[in-house]
């Protein structure tokens, strides 16, 4: 992801389903660099840019704890955002 695309998808999810977004946290590969993200409902902490990856796995890893939001819906949102990015 680029940061604007990832942040836009997350903002859309929070705008549409914020009360049901109980917790979100993870590490995002932003142009090859690791960025830690976390939030609750509509409130997100500032992203933390790490100096290096904590492991050999450089893939984006996100955990969502939700109420009445299907995993497939969240996955589809981020897949669509990635597809629009090119």
N, C-alpha and C. Protein backbone atom coordinates (compact mmCIF):
# COMPACT_ATOMS: atom_id res chain seq x y z
N UNK A 1 0.82 -1.19 0.00
CA UNK A 1 0.00 0.00 0.00
C UNK A 1 0.87 1.26 0.00
N UNK A 2 0.30 2.32 -0.52
CA UNK A 2 0.85 3.63 -0.22
C UNK A 2 0.04 4.12 0.98
N UNK A 3 0.58 5.04 1.72
CA UNK A 3 -0.13 5.50 2.92
C UNK A 3 -1.50 6.12 2.58
N UNK A 4 -1.61 6.99 1.57
CA UNK A 4 -2.92 7.58 1.29
C UNK A 4 -3.99 6.53 0.97
N UNK A 5 -3.64 5.49 0.25
CA UNK A 5 -4.63 4.45 -0.10
C UNK A 5 -5.04 3.68 1.14
N UNK A 6 -4.07 3.26 1.95
CA UNK A 6 -4.40 2.52 3.16
C UNK A 6 -5.24 3.38 4.11
N UNK A 7 -4.79 4.60 4.36
CA UNK A 7 -5.50 5.49 5.28
C UNK A 7 -6.91 5.79 4.78
N UNK A 8 -7.06 5.96 3.47
CA UNK A 8 -8.38 6.22 2.90
C UNK A 8 -9.34 5.05 3.11
N UNK A 9 -8.85 3.83 2.92
CA UNK A 9 -9.69 2.65 3.15
C UNK A 9 -10.08 2.55 4.62
N UNK A 10 -9.13 2.80 5.49
CA UNK A 10 -9.42 2.73 6.93
C UNK A 10 -10.39 3.82 7.35
N UNK A 11 -10.23 5.01 6.81
CA UNK A 11 -11.16 6.11 7.12
C UNK A 11 -12.57 5.80 6.62
N UNK A 12 -12.67 5.18 5.46
CA UNK A 12 -13.98 4.80 4.93
C UNK A 12 -14.64 3.76 5.84
N UNK A 13 -13.88 2.77 6.26
CA UNK A 13 -14.42 1.76 7.17
C UNK A 13 -14.90 2.40 8.47
N UNK A 14 -14.11 3.30 9.03
CA UNK A 14 -14.49 3.97 10.27
C UNK A 14 -15.71 4.86 10.07
N UNK A 15 -15.81 5.53 8.93
CA UNK A 15 -16.95 6.41 8.68
C UNK A 15 -18.24 5.61 8.52
N UNK A 16 -18.15 4.47 7.84
CA UNK A 16 -19.35 3.67 7.59
C UNK A 16 -19.74 2.78 8.75
N UNK A 17 -18.75 2.26 9.46
CA UNK A 17 -19.03 1.25 10.48
C UNK A 17 -18.28 1.47 11.79
N UNK A 18 -17.90 2.71 12.07
CA UNK A 18 -17.10 3.04 13.26
C UNK A 18 -17.60 2.44 14.55
N UNK A 19 -18.90 2.55 14.88
CA UNK A 19 -19.36 1.99 16.15
C UNK A 19 -19.16 0.47 16.27
N UNK A 20 -19.07 -0.20 15.12
CA UNK A 20 -18.87 -1.66 15.13
C UNK A 20 -17.41 -2.06 14.97
N UNK A 21 -16.53 -1.08 14.83
CA UNK A 21 -15.10 -1.33 14.75
C UNK A 21 -14.53 -1.21 16.16
N UNK A 22 -14.57 -2.32 16.88
CA UNK A 22 -14.22 -2.29 18.30
C UNK A 22 -12.73 -2.09 18.54
N UNK A 23 -11.90 -2.69 17.67
CA UNK A 23 -10.45 -2.56 17.83
C UNK A 23 -9.78 -2.96 16.53
N UNK A 24 -8.71 -2.26 16.19
CA UNK A 24 -7.92 -2.59 15.02
C UNK A 24 -6.46 -2.32 15.36
N UNK A 25 -5.61 -3.27 14.97
CA UNK A 25 -4.18 -3.03 15.16
C UNK A 25 -3.42 -3.86 14.13
N UNK A 26 -2.20 -3.46 13.88
CA UNK A 26 -1.40 -4.23 12.95
C UNK A 26 -0.17 -3.51 12.48
N UNK A 27 0.47 -4.15 11.52
CA UNK A 27 1.67 -3.60 10.90
C UNK A 27 1.42 -3.60 9.39
N UNK A 28 1.67 -2.48 8.75
CA UNK A 28 1.37 -2.30 7.34
C UNK A 28 2.66 -2.08 6.57
N UNK A 29 2.78 -2.76 5.44
CA UNK A 29 3.91 -2.54 4.56
C UNK A 29 3.57 -1.34 3.68
N UNK A 30 4.19 -0.22 3.97
CA UNK A 30 3.95 1.01 3.22
C UNK A 30 5.21 1.28 2.39
N UNK A 31 5.14 0.92 1.13
CA UNK A 31 6.29 1.12 0.25
C UNK A 31 7.53 0.39 0.71
N UNK A 32 7.35 -0.76 1.35
CA UNK A 32 8.46 -1.57 1.83
C UNK A 32 8.86 -1.30 3.27
N UNK A 33 8.32 -0.27 3.88
CA UNK A 33 8.66 0.09 5.26
C UNK A 33 7.53 -0.31 6.21
N UNK A 34 7.88 -0.74 7.43
CA UNK A 34 6.86 -1.14 8.40
C UNK A 34 6.26 0.05 9.16
N UNK A 35 4.92 0.08 9.21
CA UNK A 35 4.21 1.13 9.94
C UNK A 35 3.19 0.45 10.85
N UNK A 36 3.25 0.76 12.14
CA UNK A 36 2.32 0.20 13.12
C UNK A 36 1.09 1.10 13.21
N UNK A 37 -0.09 0.47 13.15
CA UNK A 37 -1.36 1.20 13.22
C UNK A 37 -2.23 0.58 14.30
N UNK A 38 -3.06 1.41 14.93
CA UNK A 38 -4.03 0.90 15.89
C UNK A 38 -5.12 1.93 16.12
N UNK A 39 -6.31 1.42 16.46
CA UNK A 39 -7.42 2.32 16.69
C UNK A 39 -8.60 1.61 17.32
N UNK A 40 -9.53 2.43 17.78
CA UNK A 40 -10.78 1.97 18.38
C UNK A 40 -11.90 2.82 17.81
N UNK A 41 -12.88 2.19 17.20
CA UNK A 41 -14.02 2.85 16.58
C UNK A 41 -13.53 3.95 15.63
N UNK A 42 -13.78 5.22 15.93
CA UNK A 42 -13.36 6.32 15.06
C UNK A 42 -12.03 6.94 15.48
N UNK A 43 -11.42 6.42 16.52
CA UNK A 43 -10.22 7.04 17.08
C UNK A 43 -9.00 6.19 16.74
N UNK A 44 -8.04 6.81 16.04
CA UNK A 44 -6.83 6.11 15.66
C UNK A 44 -5.61 6.84 16.20
N UNK A 45 -4.68 6.07 16.71
CA UNK A 45 -3.40 6.64 17.15
C UNK A 45 -2.61 7.04 15.92
N UNK A 46 -1.68 7.95 16.11
CA UNK A 46 -0.78 8.30 15.02
C UNK A 46 0.01 7.06 14.61
N UNK A 47 0.22 6.87 13.32
CA UNK A 47 1.01 5.71 12.89
C UNK A 47 2.44 5.82 13.40
N UNK A 48 3.04 4.67 13.70
CA UNK A 48 4.42 4.62 14.18
C UNK A 48 5.26 3.96 13.10
N UNK A 49 6.22 4.69 12.59
CA UNK A 49 7.13 4.18 11.56
C UNK A 49 8.30 3.49 12.25
N UNK A 50 8.49 2.21 11.96
CA UNK A 50 9.58 1.45 12.57
C UNK A 50 10.84 1.57 11.72
N UNK A 51 12.00 1.49 12.37
CA UNK A 51 13.28 1.55 11.67
C UNK A 51 13.55 0.29 10.86
N UNK A 52 12.99 -0.83 11.34
CA UNK A 52 13.19 -2.11 10.64
C UNK A 52 12.02 -3.03 10.96
N UNK A 53 11.89 -4.07 10.16
CA UNK A 53 10.83 -5.05 10.38
C UNK A 53 11.17 -5.91 11.60
N UNK A 54 10.18 -6.29 12.40
CA UNK A 54 10.45 -7.10 13.59
C UNK A 54 10.75 -8.56 13.27
N UNK A 55 10.51 -8.99 12.02
CA UNK A 55 10.79 -10.37 11.62
C UNK A 55 11.08 -10.39 10.12
N UNK A 56 11.31 -11.56 9.58
CA UNK A 56 11.56 -11.69 8.14
C UNK A 56 10.28 -11.54 7.32
N UNK A 57 9.13 -11.59 7.95
CA UNK A 57 7.85 -11.43 7.27
C UNK A 57 7.58 -9.94 7.07
N UNK A 58 7.58 -9.50 5.83
CA UNK A 58 7.36 -8.09 5.52
C UNK A 58 5.97 -7.83 4.97
N UNK A 59 5.07 -8.75 5.20
CA UNK A 59 3.70 -8.59 4.73
C UNK A 59 2.86 -7.78 5.71
N UNK A 60 1.84 -7.15 5.19
CA UNK A 60 0.89 -6.42 6.02
C UNK A 60 0.10 -7.42 6.86
N UNK A 61 -0.03 -7.14 8.14
CA UNK A 61 -0.80 -8.00 9.05
C UNK A 61 -1.70 -7.11 9.89
N UNK A 62 -3.00 -7.32 9.77
CA UNK A 62 -3.98 -6.52 10.50
C UNK A 62 -4.92 -7.43 11.28
N UNK A 63 -5.31 -6.97 12.46
CA UNK A 63 -6.29 -7.68 13.29
C UNK A 63 -7.44 -6.72 13.54
N UNK A 64 -8.65 -7.17 13.24
CA UNK A 64 -9.85 -6.39 13.48
C UNK A 64 -10.73 -7.14 14.46
N UNK A 65 -11.17 -6.46 15.49
CA UNK A 65 -12.20 -7.00 16.39
C UNK A 65 -13.43 -6.15 16.12
N UNK A 66 -14.48 -6.80 15.63
CA UNK A 66 -15.64 -6.06 15.17
C UNK A 66 -16.93 -6.65 15.73
N UNK A 67 -17.97 -5.90 15.52
CA UNK A 67 -19.33 -6.37 15.83
C UNK A 67 -20.14 -6.22 14.54
N UNK A 68 -20.68 -7.32 14.08
CA UNK A 68 -21.55 -7.33 12.89
C UNK A 68 -20.86 -6.83 11.61
N UNK A 69 -19.56 -7.00 11.52
CA UNK A 69 -18.84 -6.72 10.27
C UNK A 69 -18.16 -8.03 9.88
N UNK A 70 -18.52 -8.54 8.72
CA UNK A 70 -17.94 -9.80 8.26
C UNK A 70 -16.49 -9.60 7.80
N UNK A 71 -15.69 -10.61 8.07
CA UNK A 71 -14.29 -10.59 7.66
C UNK A 71 -14.18 -10.33 6.16
N UNK A 72 -15.05 -10.96 5.39
CA UNK A 72 -15.00 -10.82 3.93
C UNK A 72 -15.23 -9.37 3.50
N UNK A 73 -16.06 -8.63 4.21
CA UNK A 73 -16.33 -7.23 3.86
C UNK A 73 -15.08 -6.38 4.07
N UNK A 74 -14.38 -6.60 5.17
CA UNK A 74 -13.15 -5.85 5.45
C UNK A 74 -12.09 -6.21 4.42
N UNK A 75 -11.95 -7.50 4.14
CA UNK A 75 -10.97 -7.95 3.15
C UNK A 75 -11.27 -7.37 1.78
N UNK A 76 -12.54 -7.33 1.39
CA UNK A 76 -12.92 -6.79 0.09
C UNK A 76 -12.61 -5.29 -0.01
N UNK A 77 -12.84 -4.57 1.07
CA UNK A 77 -12.55 -3.13 1.08
C UNK A 77 -11.07 -2.88 0.81
N UNK A 78 -10.20 -3.59 1.52
CA UNK A 78 -8.77 -3.36 1.36
C UNK A 78 -8.26 -3.91 0.03
N UNK A 79 -8.87 -4.99 -0.47
CA UNK A 79 -8.51 -5.51 -1.78
C UNK A 79 -8.87 -4.51 -2.87
N UNK A 80 -10.04 -3.89 -2.74
CA UNK A 80 -10.46 -2.89 -3.72
C UNK A 80 -9.53 -1.68 -3.68
N UNK A 81 -9.15 -1.27 -2.48
CA UNK A 81 -8.22 -0.13 -2.35
C UNK A 81 -6.90 -0.45 -3.01
N UNK A 82 -6.40 -1.66 -2.79
CA UNK A 82 -5.12 -2.07 -3.40
C UNK A 82 -5.23 -2.13 -4.92
N UNK A 83 -6.37 -2.59 -5.41
CA UNK A 83 -6.58 -2.68 -6.86
C UNK A 83 -6.63 -1.30 -7.51
N UNK A 84 -7.21 -0.34 -6.83
CA UNK A 84 -7.29 1.01 -7.36
C UNK A 84 -5.92 1.68 -7.40
N UNK A 85 -5.06 1.22 -6.52
CA UNK A 85 -3.73 1.81 -6.46
C UNK A 85 -2.90 1.45 -7.69
N UNK A 86 -3.21 0.30 -8.27
CA UNK A 86 -2.53 -0.09 -9.50
C UNK A 86 -1.50 -1.07 -9.25
